[in-house]
Amino acid sequence: MRLLNLSLILLLCALYSTSCKKTTTNTVTKTVIDSVLFTPAVYPDYMVLKPGNYWIYQAYTVFSADSAVPASYPPDSFYVEKDTAIGSYTYHKLVKNISFQHTQQILYLRDSLSYVVGNGGGIFFSSQDSTTVFRTIQYSSPAAGVPDTIPVTYQMGLMQNLTTVPIGVFPTCTYRQIFHFTPAHPMEENDWKYAENIGLIVQTLGFYTNPSASWLEDRLIRYHVE
C-alpha cells in the first residue's frame, strides 16, 4: 500500500512538471510571435524633425557640376520651431527663411511609415518608394518663361548618391520636382537632397528654361540636430 501511494505521488509530480513546462513554452512562444507581428517597422530618418534642430545654408551660383561660386545672398536658415496637433496627428512645424526669394515658408510635416507627409496630405519624401509619382499639378508662369500650362510632377529621384557640400560629402536621397516641357525642350528639375540623420543637404532654388544658364543652390554649411 505504501508503495502504491509513493507511485501515485511520483506520477502526480511528473504530470505537474510537464504541465508547467508546456505553459512556460507556450508563454515564450506567444511572446516571440507577438514581438515579430506587432513591433512597428523602423525606417531611416532623413528630415530629423525635432524641435530645436536647425540648418544653415549658403547660396551658390552653379555653372556646371564642377563649377560653382558663393552667391551674394545672406545665408538661409531652416529650423523646427515646435510640434503641434492638427486633427488626430502631431506635426512638426518647419520654418524656412529663404533670402534669395525674400520669403518665409512654413511647413507642417509628420512621419507616416517610410513617408513624410504634410498636413494637406501631400508627400514630401520617402526613404523606400522610388517609383511612385506622388503628385501632379498644372503650372504656367509667363514671367518665368512658361507661357503655356505644363505638368509638374513630384517624386523621388536618386536614392543613394554622394553629394558634396562645404562641410563634407554625404550619401543622399533626392526628392524631385520635374517640369515637363514640350518634346522640343528638355525637362527641368528642382532637387531636395537629404542625408540620413542630418536633414536637407542641398536644394535647388528655382528652375531655368535656358539649359545653358547657371542656377542657384542652397548648400549646407552648419547644422544642429538631436
Protein backbone atom coordinates (compact mmCIF):
# COMPACT_ATOMS: atom_id res chain seq x y z
CA MET A 1 0.00 0.00 0.00
CA ARG A 2 2.82 2.36 0.92
CA LEU A 3 4.49 1.55 -2.43
CA LEU A 4 1.26 2.33 -4.31
CA ASN A 5 0.91 5.71 -2.58
CA LEU A 6 4.52 6.56 -3.43
CA SER A 7 3.91 5.67 -7.08
CA LEU A 8 0.83 7.91 -7.23
CA ILE A 9 2.73 10.82 -5.73
CA LEU A 10 5.56 10.45 -8.25
CA LEU A 11 3.04 10.28 -11.14
CA LEU A 12 1.27 13.44 -9.99
CA CYS A 13 4.60 15.27 -9.69
CA ALA A 14 5.57 14.23 -13.21
CA LEU A 15 2.23 15.39 -14.62
CA TYR A 16 2.50 18.74 -12.80
CA SER A 17 6.07 19.25 -14.02
CA THR A 18 5.06 18.53 -17.64
CA SER A 19 2.14 20.96 -17.36
CA CYS A 20 4.42 23.72 -16.07
CA LYS A 21 6.91 23.17 -18.88
CA LYS A 22 4.18 23.37 -21.52
CA THR A 23 2.80 26.57 -20.01
CA THR A 24 6.25 28.15 -19.93
CA THR A 25 6.97 27.07 -23.51
CA ASN A 26 3.62 28.41 -24.75
CA THR A 27 4.20 31.73 -22.98
CA VAL A 28 7.66 32.14 -24.51
CA THR A 29 6.37 31.20 -27.98
CA LYS A 30 3.49 33.71 -27.75
CA THR A 31 5.90 36.44 -26.63
CA VAL A 32 8.19 35.80 -29.63
CA ILE A 33 5.24 35.76 -32.08
CA ASP A 34 3.80 38.98 -30.63
CA SER A 35 7.22 40.63 -30.90
CA VAL A 36 7.54 39.69 -34.58
CA LEU A 37 3.96 40.56 -35.56
CA PHE A 38 3.37 43.74 -33.58
CA THR A 39 6.75 45.50 -33.42
CA PRO A 40 6.44 48.52 -35.76
CA ALA A 41 8.93 48.82 -38.61
CA VAL A 42 11.64 51.43 -38.11
CA TYR A 43 12.61 53.49 -41.17
CA PRO A 44 15.66 55.73 -41.64
CA ASP A 45 15.15 59.37 -40.64
CA TYR A 46 16.17 61.83 -43.36
CA MET A 47 14.46 65.01 -42.12
CA VAL A 48 15.17 64.81 -38.35
CA LEU A 49 12.14 66.93 -37.47
CA LYS A 50 12.67 67.60 -33.79
CA PRO A 51 12.02 70.99 -32.16
CA GLY A 52 15.28 72.88 -31.73
CA ASN A 53 17.01 71.36 -34.77
CA TYR A 54 18.30 73.87 -37.32
CA TRP A 55 20.23 74.08 -40.60
CA ILE A 56 22.17 76.98 -42.19
CA TYR A 57 22.78 77.19 -45.96
CA GLN A 58 24.95 79.26 -48.28
CA ALA A 59 23.54 80.03 -51.72
CA TYR A 60 25.83 79.13 -54.63
CA THR A 61 25.69 80.11 -58.29
CA VAL A 62 26.26 76.84 -60.16
CA PHE A 63 27.60 76.84 -63.72
CA SER A 64 28.14 73.10 -64.09
CA ALA A 65 28.58 70.01 -61.94
CA ASP A 66 32.18 71.06 -61.20
CA SER A 67 31.87 74.85 -61.17
CA ALA A 68 30.13 76.95 -58.52
CA VAL A 69 30.81 80.17 -56.60
CA PRO A 70 29.15 81.56 -53.46
CA ALA A 71 26.32 83.96 -54.26
CA SER A 72 25.96 87.34 -52.58
CA TYR A 73 22.76 86.45 -50.71
CA PRO A 74 22.76 86.14 -46.90
CA PRO A 75 22.68 82.56 -45.57
CA ASP A 76 19.31 80.83 -45.43
CA SER A 77 18.12 79.28 -42.18
CA PHE A 78 15.71 76.41 -41.57
CA TYR A 79 14.56 75.31 -38.12
CA VAL A 80 11.95 73.16 -36.40
CA GLU A 81 10.01 75.55 -34.20
CA LYS A 82 7.67 73.19 -32.36
CA ASP A 83 5.32 70.22 -32.51
CA THR A 84 1.62 70.89 -32.90
CA ALA A 85 -1.58 68.84 -33.07
CA ILE A 86 -3.63 69.06 -36.27
CA GLY A 87 -6.65 66.80 -36.24
CA SER A 88 -5.64 63.48 -34.72
CA TYR A 89 -1.92 63.75 -35.67
CA THR A 90 1.13 65.53 -34.29
CA TYR A 91 3.02 67.60 -36.87
CA HIS A 92 6.41 69.30 -36.78
CA LYS A 93 6.44 72.99 -37.71
CA LEU A 94 9.37 73.58 -40.10
CA VAL A 95 10.24 77.23 -40.81
CA LYS A 96 12.31 78.05 -43.91
CA ASN A 97 13.83 81.53 -44.33
CA ILE A 98 14.99 81.90 -47.96
CA SER A 99 16.81 85.17 -48.63
CA PHE A 100 17.04 84.68 -52.42
CA GLN A 101 13.25 84.68 -52.69
CA HIS A 102 12.70 87.10 -49.77
CA THR A 103 10.21 84.64 -48.32
CA GLN A 104 9.49 82.59 -45.24
CA GLN A 105 7.95 79.19 -45.92
CA ILE A 106 6.20 77.23 -43.17
CA LEU A 107 5.51 73.50 -43.48
CA TYR A 108 3.72 71.15 -41.10
CA LEU A 109 5.16 67.66 -41.55
CA ARG A 110 4.92 64.23 -39.91
CA ASP A 111 6.32 60.75 -40.42
CA SER A 112 3.97 58.13 -41.84
CA LEU A 113 5.82 54.79 -42.16
CA SER A 114 8.54 55.44 -44.78
CA TYR A 115 6.95 58.71 -45.95
CA VAL A 116 7.00 62.32 -44.77
CA VAL A 117 3.61 63.93 -45.36
CA GLY A 118 2.22 67.44 -44.95
CA ASN A 119 -0.95 68.46 -43.17
CA GLY A 120 -2.66 68.75 -46.57
CA GLY A 121 -1.86 65.11 -47.38
CA GLY A 122 0.98 65.72 -49.86
CA ILE A 123 4.09 63.52 -49.73
CA PHE A 124 7.37 65.39 -49.33
CA PHE A 125 9.80 62.45 -49.12
CA SER A 126 10.08 58.67 -48.98
CA SER A 127 13.06 56.60 -47.94
CA GLN A 128 11.67 53.48 -49.70
CA ASP A 129 9.36 54.42 -52.59
CA SER A 130 11.45 55.32 -55.64
CA THR A 131 8.80 54.74 -58.34
CA THR A 132 5.53 56.43 -57.37
CA VAL A 133 4.61 59.87 -58.71
CA PHE A 134 3.32 61.45 -55.52
CA ARG A 135 1.58 64.45 -57.04
CA THR A 136 0.94 66.15 -60.41
CA ILE A 137 -0.06 69.80 -60.84
CA GLN A 138 -0.59 72.06 -63.84
CA TYR A 139 1.75 75.06 -63.98
CA SER A 140 2.21 78.21 -66.04
CA SER A 141 4.21 81.41 -65.45
CA PRO A 142 4.72 83.85 -68.34
CA ALA A 143 7.11 85.89 -66.20
CA ALA A 144 9.34 82.83 -65.78
CA GLY A 145 9.23 81.96 -69.47
CA VAL A 146 6.47 79.33 -69.20
CA PRO A 147 3.51 80.87 -71.08
CA ASP A 148 1.70 77.56 -71.64
CA THR A 149 0.37 75.21 -68.99
CA ILE A 150 2.67 72.25 -68.37
CA PRO A 151 2.50 69.30 -65.95
CA VAL A 152 4.77 69.29 -62.92
CA THR A 153 5.34 66.05 -61.02
CA TYR A 154 6.77 65.29 -57.58
CA GLN A 155 8.60 62.00 -56.90
CA MET A 156 11.84 60.55 -55.61
CA GLY A 157 14.98 60.76 -57.75
CA LEU A 158 18.37 59.24 -56.97
CA MET A 159 18.04 57.15 -53.82
CA GLN A 160 21.70 56.76 -52.85
CA ASN A 161 24.07 59.29 -54.37
CA LEU A 162 27.10 61.10 -52.94
CA THR A 163 26.55 64.85 -52.51
CA THR A 164 29.34 67.33 -51.76
CA VAL A 165 28.76 70.46 -49.66
CA PRO A 166 31.22 72.76 -47.83
CA ILE A 167 31.13 70.66 -44.65
CA GLY A 168 31.63 67.26 -46.26
CA VAL A 169 30.44 64.50 -48.58
CA PHE A 170 27.22 62.67 -47.73
CA PRO A 171 25.15 59.83 -49.21
CA THR A 172 21.78 61.38 -50.02
CA CYS A 173 18.28 60.56 -51.28
CA THR A 174 16.65 63.09 -53.62
CA TYR A 175 13.10 64.39 -53.62
CA ARG A 176 12.45 65.85 -57.07
CA GLN A 177 10.12 68.38 -58.71
CA ILE A 178 10.03 67.89 -62.50
CA PHE A 179 8.75 70.41 -65.05
CA HIS A 180 7.62 68.54 -68.18
CA PHE A 181 8.09 70.89 -71.11
CA THR A 182 7.32 70.14 -74.77
CA PRO A 183 9.39 67.44 -76.52
CA ALA A 184 11.49 70.18 -78.11
CA HIS A 185 12.59 71.37 -74.66
CA PRO A 186 14.28 69.20 -72.03
CA MET A 187 12.74 68.66 -68.61
CA GLU A 188 13.81 70.92 -65.76
CA GLU A 189 14.23 69.64 -62.23
CA ASN A 190 14.36 71.06 -58.73
CA ASP A 191 16.05 68.77 -56.24
CA TRP A 192 15.99 68.46 -52.46
CA LYS A 193 18.80 66.17 -51.31
CA TYR A 194 18.62 64.66 -47.81
CA ALA A 195 21.19 62.77 -45.73
CA GLU A 196 20.15 60.23 -43.12
CA ASN A 197 20.09 61.61 -39.54
CA ILE A 198 21.23 65.04 -40.78
CA GLY A 199 18.47 66.50 -42.93
CA LEU A 200 18.45 68.64 -46.07
CA ILE A 201 21.94 68.92 -47.61
CA VAL A 202 21.23 70.71 -50.92
CA GLN A 203 18.20 72.31 -52.54
CA THR A 204 17.78 73.90 -55.97
CA LEU A 205 16.46 77.47 -55.85
CA GLY A 206 14.09 77.88 -58.80
CA PHE A 207 14.24 76.42 -62.30
CA TYR A 208 15.58 77.93 -65.51
CA THR A 209 14.21 77.42 -69.00
CA ASN A 210 17.60 78.03 -70.65
CA PRO A 211 19.56 74.75 -70.37
CA SER A 212 22.90 76.55 -70.66
CA ALA A 213 22.16 79.05 -67.88
CA SER A 214 23.58 78.92 -64.37
CA TRP A 215 21.32 78.17 -61.43
CA LEU A 216 21.25 78.68 -57.67
CA GLU A 217 21.66 76.05 -54.98
CA ASP A 218 21.48 76.17 -51.20
CA ARG A 219 24.33 74.12 -49.70
CA LEU A 220 24.59 73.14 -46.05
CA ILE A 221 27.31 74.98 -44.09
CA ARG A 222 26.23 74.37 -40.49
CA TYR A 223 23.58 72.40 -38.60
CA HIS A 224 22.43 71.15 -35.22
CA VAL A 225 20.28 68.02 -34.83
CA GLU A 226 19.37 65.82 -31.87
